[in-house]
């Protein structure tokens, strides 16, 4: 697994269902990339909720390139 840390703002503006994003973690599984010739991204998003409370909340989304269709995963990530 390769861990990449990015600061993302324009991606969050395109996806309306995303809350405010502070930290954007992308986990790339190279075994899936070798098998399917596609990169599967599991994205964990750390955000502050809309009430202004600074909680360490995470949202996980699974994306497949190049379609960029997000599927929400309700299981929290540590």
N, C-alpha and C. Protein backbone atom coordinates (compact mmCIF):
# COMPACT_ATOMS: atom_id res chain seq x y z
N UNK A 1 0.83 -1.19 0.00
CA UNK A 1 0.00 0.00 0.00
C UNK A 1 0.87 1.25 0.00
N UNK A 2 0.53 2.18 -0.84
CA UNK A 2 1.22 3.46 -0.90
C UNK A 2 0.28 4.52 -0.33
N UNK A 3 0.80 5.31 0.61
CA UNK A 3 -0.01 6.35 1.23
C UNK A 3 0.43 7.71 0.70
N UNK A 4 -0.53 8.44 0.16
CA UNK A 4 -0.25 9.76 -0.41
C UNK A 4 -1.11 10.78 0.32
N UNK A 5 -0.48 11.86 0.78
CA UNK A 5 -1.23 12.91 1.45
C UNK A 5 -1.33 14.12 0.53
N UNK A 6 -2.55 14.59 0.32
CA UNK A 6 -2.79 15.72 -0.57
C UNK A 6 -3.70 16.74 0.11
N UNK A 7 -3.49 17.98 -0.21
CA UNK A 7 -4.45 19.01 0.19
C UNK A 7 -5.38 19.24 -1.00
N UNK A 8 -6.66 18.94 -0.81
CA UNK A 8 -7.61 18.97 -1.90
C UNK A 8 -8.70 20.01 -1.61
N UNK A 9 -8.93 20.90 -2.56
CA UNK A 9 -10.05 21.82 -2.42
C UNK A 9 -10.95 21.78 -3.66
N UNK A 10 -10.36 21.74 -4.86
CA UNK A 10 -11.15 21.79 -6.08
C UNK A 10 -11.93 20.49 -6.29
N UNK A 11 -11.40 19.36 -5.79
CA UNK A 11 -12.10 18.08 -5.91
C UNK A 11 -13.36 18.09 -5.05
N UNK A 12 -13.26 18.72 -3.87
CA UNK A 12 -14.41 18.78 -2.98
C UNK A 12 -15.50 19.69 -3.54
N UNK A 13 -15.09 20.72 -4.29
CA UNK A 13 -16.08 21.61 -4.88
C UNK A 13 -16.85 20.94 -6.01
N UNK A 14 -16.20 20.00 -6.72
CA UNK A 14 -16.90 19.28 -7.78
C UNK A 14 -17.91 18.30 -7.20
N UNK A 15 -17.54 17.65 -6.09
CA UNK A 15 -18.42 16.67 -5.45
C UNK A 15 -19.24 17.38 -4.39
N UNK A 16 -20.53 17.57 -4.65
CA UNK A 16 -21.37 18.35 -3.75
C UNK A 16 -21.65 17.62 -2.44
N UNK A 17 -21.61 16.28 -2.44
CA UNK A 17 -21.95 15.54 -1.23
C UNK A 17 -20.80 15.47 -0.22
N UNK A 18 -19.66 16.02 -0.57
CA UNK A 18 -18.53 16.00 0.35
C UNK A 18 -18.62 17.18 1.32
N UNK A 19 -18.34 16.96 2.60
CA UNK A 19 -18.23 18.08 3.53
C UNK A 19 -16.91 18.81 3.36
N UNK A 20 -16.65 19.79 4.22
CA UNK A 20 -15.41 20.55 4.13
C UNK A 20 -14.23 19.63 4.40
N UNK A 21 -13.25 19.67 3.52
CA UNK A 21 -12.13 18.74 3.59
C UNK A 21 -10.88 19.47 4.06
N UNK A 22 -10.24 18.94 5.09
CA UNK A 22 -8.98 19.49 5.53
C UNK A 22 -7.82 18.61 5.10
N UNK A 23 -8.00 17.30 5.24
CA UNK A 23 -6.94 16.36 4.93
C UNK A 23 -7.48 15.27 4.02
N UNK A 24 -6.69 14.92 3.03
CA UNK A 24 -7.15 14.00 1.98
C UNK A 24 -6.12 12.88 1.86
N UNK A 25 -6.49 11.68 2.26
CA UNK A 25 -5.56 10.55 2.22
C UNK A 25 -5.99 9.58 1.12
N UNK A 26 -5.05 9.21 0.28
CA UNK A 26 -5.34 8.27 -0.80
C UNK A 26 -4.49 7.01 -0.59
N UNK A 27 -5.17 5.89 -0.53
CA UNK A 27 -4.48 4.61 -0.41
C UNK A 27 -4.61 3.87 -1.73
N UNK A 28 -3.50 3.62 -2.36
CA UNK A 28 -3.50 2.97 -3.67
C UNK A 28 -3.07 1.51 -3.50
N UNK A 29 -3.92 0.62 -3.88
CA UNK A 29 -3.59 -0.80 -3.82
C UNK A 29 -2.98 -1.21 -5.16
N UNK A 30 -1.71 -1.52 -5.14
CA UNK A 30 -1.02 -1.84 -6.39
C UNK A 30 -1.39 -3.21 -6.94
N UNK A 31 -1.84 -4.11 -6.05
CA UNK A 31 -2.24 -5.43 -6.54
C UNK A 31 -3.48 -5.33 -7.42
N UNK A 32 -4.42 -4.46 -7.04
CA UNK A 32 -5.61 -4.25 -7.86
C UNK A 32 -5.23 -3.57 -9.17
N UNK A 33 -4.24 -2.67 -9.09
CA UNK A 33 -3.80 -1.97 -10.31
C UNK A 33 -3.16 -2.94 -11.29
N UNK A 34 -2.40 -3.89 -10.78
CA UNK A 34 -1.78 -4.88 -11.67
C UNK A 34 -2.81 -5.84 -12.24
N UNK A 35 -3.81 -6.19 -11.44
CA UNK A 35 -4.79 -7.18 -11.88
C UNK A 35 -5.81 -6.56 -12.85
N UNK A 36 -6.33 -5.39 -12.52
CA UNK A 36 -7.42 -4.81 -13.31
C UNK A 36 -6.96 -3.73 -14.26
N UNK A 37 -5.65 -3.40 -14.22
CA UNK A 37 -5.11 -2.26 -14.98
C UNK A 37 -5.85 -0.97 -14.63
N UNK A 38 -6.39 -0.92 -13.42
CA UNK A 38 -7.09 0.25 -12.92
C UNK A 38 -6.64 0.48 -11.48
N UNK A 39 -6.61 1.72 -11.07
CA UNK A 39 -6.22 2.05 -9.71
C UNK A 39 -7.48 2.20 -8.87
N UNK A 40 -7.56 1.44 -7.80
CA UNK A 40 -8.67 1.59 -6.87
C UNK A 40 -8.21 2.45 -5.71
N UNK A 41 -8.93 3.52 -5.48
CA UNK A 41 -8.56 4.47 -4.44
C UNK A 41 -9.55 4.38 -3.29
N UNK A 42 -9.00 4.30 -2.10
CA UNK A 42 -9.83 4.40 -0.90
C UNK A 42 -9.47 5.73 -0.25
N UNK A 43 -10.42 6.61 -0.17
CA UNK A 43 -10.16 7.98 0.23
C UNK A 43 -10.76 8.22 1.61
N UNK A 44 -9.91 8.59 2.53
CA UNK A 44 -10.35 8.92 3.88
C UNK A 44 -10.27 10.43 4.05
N UNK A 45 -11.37 11.01 4.44
CA UNK A 45 -11.46 12.46 4.49
C UNK A 45 -11.68 12.90 5.94
N UNK A 46 -10.77 13.74 6.40
CA UNK A 46 -10.91 14.31 7.73
C UNK A 46 -11.54 15.69 7.59
N UNK A 47 -12.62 15.93 8.31
CA UNK A 47 -13.35 17.17 8.11
C UNK A 47 -13.91 17.68 9.43
N UNK A 48 -14.27 18.96 9.42
CA UNK A 48 -15.01 19.56 10.51
C UNK A 48 -16.48 19.56 10.12
N UNK A 49 -17.34 19.16 11.05
CA UNK A 49 -18.76 19.09 10.71
C UNK A 49 -19.37 20.48 10.60
N UNK A 50 -20.59 20.54 10.07
CA UNK A 50 -21.20 21.82 9.73
C UNK A 50 -21.62 22.64 10.94
N UNK A 51 -21.54 22.06 12.14
CA UNK A 51 -21.88 22.82 13.33
C UNK A 51 -20.67 23.53 13.92
N UNK A 52 -19.51 23.39 13.28
CA UNK A 52 -18.33 24.11 13.73
C UNK A 52 -17.53 23.39 14.79
N UNK A 53 -17.97 22.19 15.18
CA UNK A 53 -17.21 21.43 16.16
C UNK A 53 -16.04 20.76 15.45
N UNK A 54 -14.85 20.87 16.05
CA UNK A 54 -13.65 20.33 15.41
C UNK A 54 -13.45 18.88 15.80
N UNK A 55 -14.27 18.00 15.27
CA UNK A 55 -14.15 16.58 15.56
C UNK A 55 -13.22 15.93 14.56
N UNK A 56 -12.59 14.85 14.98
CA UNK A 56 -11.77 14.07 14.06
C UNK A 56 -12.65 13.01 13.41
N UNK A 57 -13.42 13.45 12.43
CA UNK A 57 -14.35 12.57 11.74
C UNK A 57 -13.77 12.17 10.38
N UNK A 58 -14.10 10.97 9.98
CA UNK A 58 -13.56 10.46 8.72
C UNK A 58 -14.69 9.94 7.86
N UNK A 59 -14.56 10.18 6.56
CA UNK A 59 -15.48 9.59 5.58
C UNK A 59 -14.63 8.80 4.59
N UNK A 60 -15.02 7.58 4.33
CA UNK A 60 -14.28 6.76 3.38
C UNK A 60 -15.09 6.61 2.10
N UNK A 61 -14.44 6.83 0.98
CA UNK A 61 -15.07 6.65 -0.32
C UNK A 61 -14.18 5.76 -1.18
N UNK A 62 -14.81 4.92 -1.95
CA UNK A 62 -14.08 4.04 -2.85
C UNK A 62 -14.26 4.54 -4.27
N UNK A 63 -13.16 4.83 -4.94
CA UNK A 63 -13.21 5.34 -6.30
C UNK A 63 -12.44 4.42 -7.24
N UNK A 64 -12.94 4.29 -8.44
CA UNK A 64 -12.19 3.58 -9.48
C UNK A 64 -11.90 4.56 -10.61
N UNK A 65 -10.64 4.65 -10.99
CA UNK A 65 -10.22 5.53 -12.06
C UNK A 65 -10.49 4.83 -13.40
N UNK A 66 -10.94 5.50 -14.45
CA UNK A 66 -11.16 6.94 -14.57
C UNK A 66 -12.60 7.39 -14.38
N UNK A 67 -13.49 6.54 -13.86
CA UNK A 67 -14.90 6.91 -13.82
C UNK A 67 -15.23 7.91 -12.72
N UNK A 68 -14.50 7.89 -11.62
CA UNK A 68 -14.69 8.79 -10.49
C UNK A 68 -16.11 8.74 -9.94
N UNK A 69 -16.64 7.52 -9.78
CA UNK A 69 -17.93 7.38 -9.12
C UNK A 69 -17.66 6.96 -7.67
N UNK A 70 -18.16 7.74 -6.74
CA UNK A 70 -17.87 7.51 -5.33
C UNK A 70 -18.96 6.66 -4.70
N UNK A 71 -18.54 5.69 -3.89
CA UNK A 71 -19.46 4.88 -3.12
C UNK A 71 -19.16 5.10 -1.65
N UNK A 72 -20.15 5.52 -0.89
CA UNK A 72 -19.92 5.87 0.50
C UNK A 72 -19.79 4.63 1.36
N UNK A 73 -18.81 4.64 2.26
CA UNK A 73 -18.61 3.58 3.23
C UNK A 73 -18.80 4.19 4.60
N UNK A 74 -19.74 3.65 5.37
CA UNK A 74 -20.07 4.27 6.65
C UNK A 74 -19.14 3.82 7.77
N UNK A 75 -18.30 2.83 7.49
CA UNK A 75 -17.38 2.34 8.52
C UNK A 75 -16.27 3.37 8.77
N UNK A 76 -16.03 3.78 10.02
CA UNK A 76 -14.99 4.78 10.30
C UNK A 76 -13.59 4.21 10.15
N UNK A 77 -12.66 5.08 9.83
CA UNK A 77 -11.26 4.70 9.65
C UNK A 77 -10.44 5.38 10.73
N UNK A 78 -9.57 4.62 11.39
CA UNK A 78 -8.73 5.20 12.45
C UNK A 78 -7.57 5.95 11.85
